[in-house]
PDB file of all heavy atoms in Angstrom:
ATOM      1  N   ARG A   1       2.915   2.991  -8.456  1.00  0.00           N
ATOM      2  CA  ARG A   1       2.023   2.612  -9.553  1.00  0.00           C
ATOM      3  C   ARG A   1       0.560   2.686  -9.113  1.00  0.00           C
ATOM      4  O   ARG A   1      -0.319   3.018  -9.900  1.00  0.00           O
ATOM      5  CB  ARG A   1       2.337   1.205 -10.080  1.00  0.00           C
ATOM      6  CG  ARG A   1       3.714   1.060 -10.691  1.00  0.00           C
ATOM      7  CD  ARG A   1       3.879   1.957 -11.894  1.00  0.00           C
ATOM      8  NE  ARG A   1       5.156   1.751 -12.540  1.00  0.00           N
ATOM      9  CZ  ARG A   1       6.157   2.626 -12.499  1.00  0.00           C
ATOM     10  NH1 ARG A   1       6.029   3.759 -11.845  1.00  0.00           N
ATOM     11  NH2 ARG A   1       7.284   2.363 -13.115  1.00  0.00           N
ATOM     12  N   MET A   2       0.291   2.376  -7.841  1.00  0.00           N
ATOM     13  CA  MET A   2      -1.074   2.448  -7.317  1.00  0.00           C
ATOM     14  C   MET A   2      -1.586   3.889  -7.269  1.00  0.00           C
ATOM     15  O   MET A   2      -2.790   4.115  -7.379  1.00  0.00           O
ATOM     16  CB  MET A   2      -1.130   1.871  -5.890  1.00  0.00           C
ATOM     17  CG  MET A   2      -0.971   0.374  -5.808  1.00  0.00           C
ATOM     18  SD  MET A   2      -2.433  -0.506  -6.343  1.00  0.00           S
ATOM     19  CE  MET A   2      -3.527  -0.229  -4.972  1.00  0.00           C
ATOM     20  N   THR A   3      -0.694   4.838  -7.103  1.00  0.00           N
ATOM     21  CA  THR A   3      -1.118   6.221  -6.893  1.00  0.00           C
ATOM     22  C   THR A   3      -0.776   7.156  -8.051  1.00  0.00           C
ATOM     23  O   THR A   3      -1.030   8.358  -7.958  1.00  0.00           O
ATOM     24  CB  THR A   3      -0.477   6.773  -5.607  1.00  0.00           C
ATOM     25  OG1 THR A   3       0.948   6.719  -5.726  1.00  0.00           O
ATOM     26  CG2 THR A   3      -0.921   5.984  -4.392  1.00  0.00           C
ATOM     27  N   ASP A   4      -0.230   6.624  -9.124  1.00  0.00           N
ATOM     28  CA  ASP A   4       0.186   7.460 -10.250  1.00  0.00           C
ATOM     29  C   ASP A   4      -0.756   7.254 -11.428  1.00  0.00           C
ATOM     30  O   ASP A   4      -0.852   6.153 -11.967  1.00  0.00           O
ATOM     31  CB  ASP A   4       1.613   7.106 -10.661  1.00  0.00           C
ATOM     32  CG  ASP A   4       2.133   7.994 -11.773  1.00  0.00           C
ATOM     33  OD1 ASP A   4       1.537   9.061 -12.019  1.00  0.00           O
ATOM     34  OD2 ASP A   4       3.141   7.622 -12.392  1.00  0.00           O
ATOM     35  N   PHE A   5      -1.442   8.299 -11.785  1.00  0.00           N
ATOM     36  CA  PHE A   5      -2.392   8.232 -12.891  1.00  0.00           C
ATOM     37  C   PHE A   5      -1.988   9.198 -13.997  1.00  0.00           C
ATOM     38  O   PHE A   5      -2.803   9.926 -14.545  1.00  0.00           O
ATOM     39  CB  PHE A   5      -3.806   8.545 -12.388  1.00  0.00           C
ATOM     40  CG  PHE A   5      -4.250   7.609 -11.313  1.00  0.00           C
ATOM     41  CD1 PHE A   5      -4.273   8.020  -9.990  1.00  0.00           C
ATOM     42  CD2 PHE A   5      -4.620   6.318 -11.626  1.00  0.00           C
ATOM     43  CE1 PHE A   5      -4.677   7.134  -8.998  1.00  0.00           C
ATOM     44  CE2 PHE A   5      -5.030   5.436 -10.639  1.00  0.00           C
ATOM     45  CZ  PHE A   5      -5.058   5.845  -9.320  1.00  0.00           C
ATOM     46  N   TRP A   6      -0.708   9.189 -14.344  1.00  0.00           N
ATOM     47  CA  TRP A   6      -0.216  10.161 -15.312  1.00  0.00           C
ATOM     48  C   TRP A   6      -0.932  10.055 -16.656  1.00  0.00           C
ATOM     49  O   TRP A   6      -1.148  11.056 -17.322  1.00  0.00           O
ATOM     50  CB  TRP A   6       1.298  10.063 -15.476  1.00  0.00           C
ATOM     51  CG  TRP A   6       1.774   8.800 -16.134  1.00  0.00           C
ATOM     52  CD1 TRP A   6       2.125   7.627 -15.527  1.00  0.00           C
ATOM     53  CD2 TRP A   6       1.960   8.594 -17.534  1.00  0.00           C
ATOM     54  NE1 TRP A   6       2.506   6.702 -16.458  1.00  0.00           N
ATOM     55  CE2 TRP A   6       2.419   7.261 -17.710  1.00  0.00           C
ATOM     56  CE3 TRP A   6       1.786   9.383 -18.668  1.00  0.00           C
ATOM     57  CZ2 TRP A   6       2.696   6.717 -18.959  1.00  0.00           C
ATOM     58  CZ3 TRP A   6       2.067   8.842 -19.917  1.00  0.00           C
ATOM     59  CH2 TRP A   6       2.519   7.527 -20.049  1.00  0.00           C
ATOM     60  N   GLN A   7      -1.323   8.829 -17.040  1.00  0.00           N
ATOM     61  CA  GLN A   7      -2.018   8.683 -18.322  1.00  0.00           C
ATOM     62  C   GLN A   7      -3.352   9.417 -18.308  1.00  0.00           C
ATOM     63  O   GLN A   7      -3.757   9.993 -19.312  1.00  0.00           O
ATOM     64  CB  GLN A   7      -2.248   7.203 -18.659  1.00  0.00           C
ATOM     65  CG  GLN A   7      -0.996   6.384 -18.790  1.00  0.00           C
ATOM     66  CD  GLN A   7      -0.692   5.577 -17.543  1.00  0.00           C
ATOM     67  OE1 GLN A   7      -1.084   5.933 -16.438  1.00  0.00           O
ATOM     68  NE2 GLN A   7       0.020   4.483 -17.702  1.00  0.00           N
ATOM     69  N   LEU A   8      -4.040   9.375 -17.162  1.00  0.00           N
ATOM     70  CA  LEU A   8      -5.314  10.088 -17.053  1.00  0.00           C
ATOM     71  C   LEU A   8      -5.105  11.598 -17.062  1.00  0.00           C
ATOM     72  O   LEU A   8      -5.931  12.331 -17.606  1.00  0.00           O
ATOM     73  CB  LEU A   8      -6.056   9.658 -15.791  1.00  0.00           C
ATOM     74  CG  LEU A   8      -6.497   8.195 -15.749  1.00  0.00           C
ATOM     75  CD1 LEU A   8      -7.176   7.889 -14.426  1.00  0.00           C
ATOM     76  CD2 LEU A   8      -7.381   7.848 -16.921  1.00  0.00           C
ATOM     77  N   GLU A   9      -4.014  12.053 -16.468  1.00  0.00           N
ATOM     78  CA  GLU A   9      -3.707  13.481 -16.523  1.00  0.00           C
ATOM     79  C   GLU A   9      -3.480  13.924 -17.966  1.00  0.00           C
ATOM     80  O   GLU A   9      -3.966  14.976 -18.382  1.00  0.00           O
ATOM     81  CB  GLU A   9      -2.487  13.789 -15.663  1.00  0.00           C
ATOM     82  CG  GLU A   9      -2.757  13.656 -14.173  1.00  0.00           C
ATOM     83  CD  GLU A   9      -1.515  13.832 -13.324  1.00  0.00           C
ATOM     84  OE1 GLU A   9      -0.484  14.332 -13.831  1.00  0.00           O
ATOM     85  OE2 GLU A   9      -1.564  13.466 -12.138  1.00  0.00           O
ATOM     86  N   PHE A  10      -2.742  13.112 -18.731  1.00  0.00           N
ATOM     87  CA  PHE A  10      -2.540  13.447 -20.140  1.00  0.00           C
ATOM     88  C   PHE A  10      -3.873  13.444 -20.879  1.00  0.00           C
ATOM     89  O   PHE A  10      -4.143  14.334 -21.692  1.00  0.00           O
ATOM     90  CB  PHE A  10      -1.572  12.450 -20.803  1.00  0.00           C
ATOM     91  CG  PHE A  10      -0.133  12.859 -20.685  1.00  0.00           C
ATOM     92  CD1 PHE A  10       0.519  12.811 -19.467  1.00  0.00           C
ATOM     93  CD2 PHE A  10       0.566  13.278 -21.794  1.00  0.00           C
ATOM     94  CE1 PHE A  10       1.847  13.182 -19.358  1.00  0.00           C
ATOM     95  CE2 PHE A  10       1.906  13.657 -21.696  1.00  0.00           C
ATOM     96  CZ  PHE A  10       2.541  13.604 -20.469  1.00  0.00           C
ATOM     97  N   HIS A  11      -4.705  12.444 -20.606  1.00  0.00           N
ATOM     98  CA  HIS A  11      -5.982  12.301 -21.296  1.00  0.00           C
ATOM     99  C   HIS A  11      -6.911  13.486 -20.997  1.00  0.00           C
ATOM    100  O   HIS A  11      -7.438  14.118 -21.921  1.00  0.00           O
ATOM    101  CB  HIS A  11      -6.654  10.983 -20.896  1.00  0.00           C
ATOM    102  CG  HIS A  11      -7.978  10.757 -21.538  1.00  0.00           C
ATOM    103  ND1 HIS A  11      -8.122  10.015 -22.683  1.00  0.00           N
ATOM    104  CD2 HIS A  11      -9.213  11.175 -21.201  1.00  0.00           C
ATOM    105  CE1 HIS A  11      -9.395   9.994 -23.029  1.00  0.00           C
ATOM    106  NE2 HIS A  11     -10.085  10.686 -22.135  1.00  0.00           N
ATOM    107  N   TYR A  12      -7.120  13.754 -19.718  1.00  0.00           N
ATOM    108  CA  TYR A  12      -8.122  14.744 -19.329  1.00  0.00           C
ATOM    109  C   TYR A  12      -7.578  16.171 -19.243  1.00  0.00           C
ATOM    110  O   TYR A  12      -8.257  17.116 -19.638  1.00  0.00           O
ATOM    111  CB  TYR A  12      -8.773  14.357 -18.008  1.00  0.00           C
ATOM    112  CG  TYR A  12      -9.624  13.123 -18.151  1.00  0.00           C
ATOM    113  CD1 TYR A  12      -9.224  11.904 -17.617  1.00  0.00           C
ATOM    114  CD2 TYR A  12     -10.819  13.174 -18.857  1.00  0.00           C
ATOM    115  CE1 TYR A  12     -10.007  10.768 -17.772  1.00  0.00           C
ATOM    116  CE2 TYR A  12     -11.603  12.038 -19.022  1.00  0.00           C
ATOM    117  CZ  TYR A  12     -11.186  10.842 -18.475  1.00  0.00           C
ATOM    118  OH  TYR A  12     -11.953   9.728 -18.644  1.00  0.00           O
ATOM    119  N   ASP A  13      -6.373  16.341 -18.703  1.00  0.00           N
ATOM    120  CA  ASP A  13      -5.856  17.696 -18.516  1.00  0.00           C
ATOM    121  C   ASP A  13      -5.245  18.270 -19.789  1.00  0.00           C
ATOM    122  O   ASP A  13      -5.315  19.475 -20.028  1.00  0.00           O
ATOM    123  CB  ASP A  13      -4.802  17.723 -17.407  1.00  0.00           C
ATOM    124  CG  ASP A  13      -5.384  17.415 -16.041  1.00  0.00           C
ATOM    125  OD1 ASP A  13      -6.622  17.455 -15.890  1.00  0.00           O
ATOM    126  OD2 ASP A  13      -4.595  17.127 -15.114  1.00  0.00           O
ATOM    127  N   ARG A  14      -4.655  17.397 -20.603  1.00  0.00           N
ATOM    128  CA  ARG A  14      -3.963  17.883 -21.797  1.00  0.00           C
ATOM    129  C   ARG A  14      -4.688  17.533 -23.095  1.00  0.00           C
ATOM    130  O   ARG A  14      -4.267  17.974 -24.156  1.00  0.00           O
ATOM    131  CB  ARG A  14      -2.556  17.297 -21.844  1.00  0.00           C
ATOM    132  CG  ARG A  14      -1.708  17.676 -20.651  1.00  0.00           C
ATOM    133  CD  ARG A  14      -0.340  17.085 -20.736  1.00  0.00           C
ATOM    134  NE  ARG A  14       0.412  17.335 -19.525  1.00  0.00           N
ATOM    135  CZ  ARG A  14       1.678  17.034 -19.368  1.00  0.00           C
ATOM    136  NH1 ARG A  14       2.353  16.472 -20.352  1.00  0.00           N
ATOM    137  NH2 ARG A  14       2.282  17.292 -18.235  1.00  0.00           N
ATOM    138  N   GLY A  15      -5.704  16.689 -23.001  1.00  0.00           N
ATOM    139  CA  GLY A  15      -6.408  16.277 -24.208  1.00  0.00           C
ATOM    140  C   GLY A  15      -5.564  15.392 -25.104  1.00  0.00           C
ATOM    141  O   GLY A  15      -5.830  15.247 -26.298  1.00  0.00           O
ATOM    142  N   ASP A  16      -4.543  14.763 -24.539  1.00  0.00           N
ATOM    143  CA  ASP A  16      -3.631  13.892 -25.289  1.00  0.00           C
ATOM    144  C   ASP A  16      -4.067  12.445 -25.079  1.00  0.00           C
ATOM    145  O   ASP A  16      -3.919  11.896 -23.989  1.00  0.00           O
ATOM    146  CB  ASP A  16      -2.204  14.108 -24.792  1.00  0.00           C
ATOM    147  CG  ASP A  16      -1.157  13.311 -25.556  1.00  0.00           C
ATOM    148  OD1 ASP A  16      -1.523  12.384 -26.319  1.00  0.00           O
ATOM    149  OD2 ASP A  16       0.036  13.613 -25.383  1.00  0.00           O
ATOM    150  N   LEU A  17      -4.616  11.835 -26.096  1.00  0.00           N
ATOM    151  CA  LEU A  17      -5.147  10.478 -25.990  1.00  0.00           C
ATOM    152  C   LEU A  17      -4.128   9.410 -26.382  1.00  0.00           C
ATOM    153  O   LEU A  17      -4.437   8.218 -26.379  1.00  0.00           O
ATOM    154  CB  LEU A  17      -6.384  10.336 -26.878  1.00  0.00           C
ATOM    155  CG  LEU A  17      -7.457  11.428 -26.730  1.00  0.00           C
ATOM    156  CD1 LEU A  17      -8.640  11.135 -27.637  1.00  0.00           C
ATOM    157  CD2 LEU A  17      -7.888  11.581 -25.294  1.00  0.00           C
ATOM    158  N   SER A  18      -2.916   9.817 -26.688  1.00  0.00           N
ATOM    159  CA  SER A  18      -1.928   8.868 -27.211  1.00  0.00           C
ATOM    160  C   SER A  18      -1.448   7.848 -26.182  1.00  0.00           C
ATOM    161  O   SER A  18      -0.834   6.849 -26.560  1.00  0.00           O
ATOM    162  CB  SER A  18      -0.733   9.622 -27.800  1.00  0.00           C
ATOM    163  OG  SER A  18      -0.101  10.419 -26.820  1.00  0.00           O
ATOM    164  N   PHE A  19      -1.721   8.068 -24.913  1.00  0.00           N
ATOM    165  CA  PHE A  19      -1.271   7.141 -23.875  1.00  0.00           C
ATOM    166  C   PHE A  19      -2.410   6.308 -23.290  1.00  0.00           C
ATOM    167  O   PHE A  19      -2.217   5.584 -22.318  1.00  0.00           O
ATOM    168  CB  PHE A  19      -0.564   7.901 -22.749  1.00  0.00           C
ATOM    169  CG  PHE A  19       0.659   8.627 -23.215  1.00  0.00           C
ATOM    170  CD1 PHE A  19       0.630   9.986 -23.444  1.00  0.00           C
ATOM    171  CD2 PHE A  19       1.838   7.935 -23.449  1.00  0.00           C
ATOM    172  CE1 PHE A  19       1.757  10.664 -23.879  1.00  0.00           C
ATOM    173  CE2 PHE A  19       2.970   8.602 -23.894  1.00  0.00           C
ATOM    174  CZ  PHE A  19       2.935   9.961 -24.111  1.00  0.00           C
ATOM    175  N   ASP A  20      -3.593   6.391 -23.866  1.00  0.00           N
ATOM    176  CA  ASP A  20      -4.751   5.676 -23.326  1.00  0.00           C
ATOM    177  C   ASP A  20      -4.527   4.173 -23.239  1.00  0.00           C
ATOM    178  O   ASP A  20      -4.934   3.530 -22.273  1.00  0.00           O
ATOM    179  CB  ASP A  20      -6.002   5.973 -24.149  1.00  0.00           C
ATOM    180  CG  ASP A  20      -6.531   7.385 -23.915  1.00  0.00           C
ATOM    181  OD1 ASP A  20      -5.911   8.142 -23.139  1.00  0.00           O
ATOM    182  OD2 ASP A  20      -7.560   7.721 -24.518  1.00  0.00           O
ATOM    183  N   GLU A  21      -3.881   3.593 -24.232  1.00  0.00           N
ATOM    184  CA  GLU A  21      -3.641   2.143 -24.208  1.00  0.00           C
ATOM    185  C   GLU A  21      -2.704   1.748 -23.077  1.00  0.00           C
ATOM    186  O   GLU A  21      -2.816   0.644 -22.538  1.00  0.00           O
ATOM    187  CB  GLU A  21      -3.095   1.676 -25.548  1.00  0.00           C
ATOM    188  CG  GLU A  21      -4.126   1.716 -26.650  1.00  0.00           C
ATOM    189  CD  GLU A  21      -3.598   1.191 -27.971  1.00  0.00           C
ATOM    190  OE1 GLU A  21      -2.677   0.348 -27.959  1.00  0.00           O
ATOM    191  OE2 GLU A  21      -4.111   1.622 -29.004  1.00  0.00           O
ATOM    192  N   LEU A  22      -1.784   2.632 -22.723  1.00  0.00           N
ATOM    193  CA  LEU A  22      -0.888   2.335 -21.611  1.00  0.00           C
ATOM    194  C   LEU A  22      -1.634   2.248 -20.293  1.00  0.00           C
ATOM    195  O   LEU A  22      -1.250   1.477 -19.410  1.00  0.00           O
ATOM    196  CB  LEU A  22       0.213   3.390 -21.504  1.00  0.00           C
ATOM    197  CG  LEU A  22       1.282   3.371 -22.583  1.00  0.00           C
ATOM    198  CD1 LEU A  22       2.264   4.509 -22.360  1.00  0.00           C
ATOM    199  CD2 LEU A  22       2.002   2.044 -22.614  1.00  0.00           C
ATOM    200  N   PHE A  23      -2.688   3.037 -20.156  1.00  0.00           N
ATOM    201  CA  PHE A  23      -3.455   3.003 -18.916  1.00  0.00           C
ATOM    202  C   PHE A  23      -4.041   1.608 -18.679  1.00  0.00           C
ATOM    203  O   PHE A  23      -3.916   1.058 -17.590  1.00  0.00           O
ATOM    204  CB  PHE A  23      -4.571   4.054 -18.924  1.00  0.00           C
ATOM    205  CG  PHE A  23      -5.383   4.052 -17.664  1.00  0.00           C
ATOM    206  CD1 PHE A  23      -4.878   4.599 -16.504  1.00  0.00           C
ATOM    207  CD2 PHE A  23      -6.648   3.477 -17.634  1.00  0.00           C
ATOM    208  CE1 PHE A  23      -5.610   4.588 -15.329  1.00  0.00           C
ATOM    209  CE2 PHE A  23      -7.390   3.454 -16.456  1.00  0.00           C
ATOM    210  CZ  PHE A  23      -6.868   4.018 -15.308  1.00  0.00           C
ATOM    211  N   THR A  24      -4.660   1.039 -19.699  1.00  0.00           N
ATOM    212  CA  THR A  24      -5.261  -0.291 -19.522  1.00  0.00           C
ATOM    213  C   THR A  24      -4.189  -1.367 -19.333  1.00  0.00           C
ATOM    214  O   THR A  24      -4.380  -2.287 -18.537  1.00  0.00           O
ATOM    215  CB  THR A  24      -6.188  -0.647 -20.695  1.00  0.00           C
ATOM    216  OG1 THR A  24      -5.475  -0.540 -21.919  1.00  0.00           O
ATOM    217  CG2 THR A  24      -7.400   0.259 -20.736  1.00  0.00           C
ATOM    218  N   ALA A  25      -3.070  -1.240 -20.024  1.00  0.00           N
ATOM    219  CA  ALA A  25      -1.979  -2.211 -19.854  1.00  0.00           C
ATOM    220  C   ALA A  25      -1.384  -2.118 -18.451  1.00  0.00           C
ATOM    221  O   ALA A  25      -1.142  -3.137 -17.789  1.00  0.00           O
ATOM    222  CB  ALA A  25      -0.901  -1.985 -20.907  1.00  0.00           C
ATOM    223  N   ASP A  26      -1.137  -0.897 -17.980  1.00  0.00           N
ATOM    224  CA  ASP A  26      -0.587  -0.712 -16.637  1.00  0.00           C
ATOM    225  C   ASP A  26      -1.570  -1.171 -15.574  1.00  0.00           C
ATOM    226  O   ASP A  26      -1.174  -1.747 -14.555  1.00  0.00           O
ATOM    227  CB  ASP A  26      -0.210   0.749 -16.408  1.00  0.00           C
ATOM    228  CG  ASP A  26       1.044   1.162 -17.150  1.00  0.00           C
ATOM    229  OD1 ASP A  26       1.711   0.302 -17.751  1.00  0.00           O
ATOM    230  OD2 ASP A  26       1.355   2.374 -17.131  1.00  0.00           O
ATOM    231  N   GLU A  27      -2.849  -0.929 -15.795  1.00  0.00           N
ATOM    232  CA  GLU A  27      -3.871  -1.362 -14.831  1.00  0.00           C
ATOM    233  C   GLU A  27      -3.905  -2.878 -14.738  1.00  0.00           C
ATOM    234  O   GLU A  27      -4.025  -3.434 -13.644  1.00  0.00           O
ATOM    235  CB  GLU A  27      -5.243  -0.821 -15.247  1.00  0.00           C
ATOM    236  CG  GLU A  27      -6.328  -1.054 -14.224  1.00  0.00           C
ATOM    237  CD  GLU A  27      -6.969  -2.434 -14.310  1.00  0.00           C
ATOM    238  OE1 GLU A  27      -6.996  -3.011 -15.409  1.00  0.00           O
ATOM    239  OE2 GLU A  27      -7.432  -2.937 -13.266  1.00  0.00           O
TER     240      GLU A  27
END
């Protein structure tokens, strides 16, 4: 979990913002 930023990959690499809320919850 410390090293996995899959939500950011979706956000920046794929332009998919649907997981942005998960990033803050997981953080």
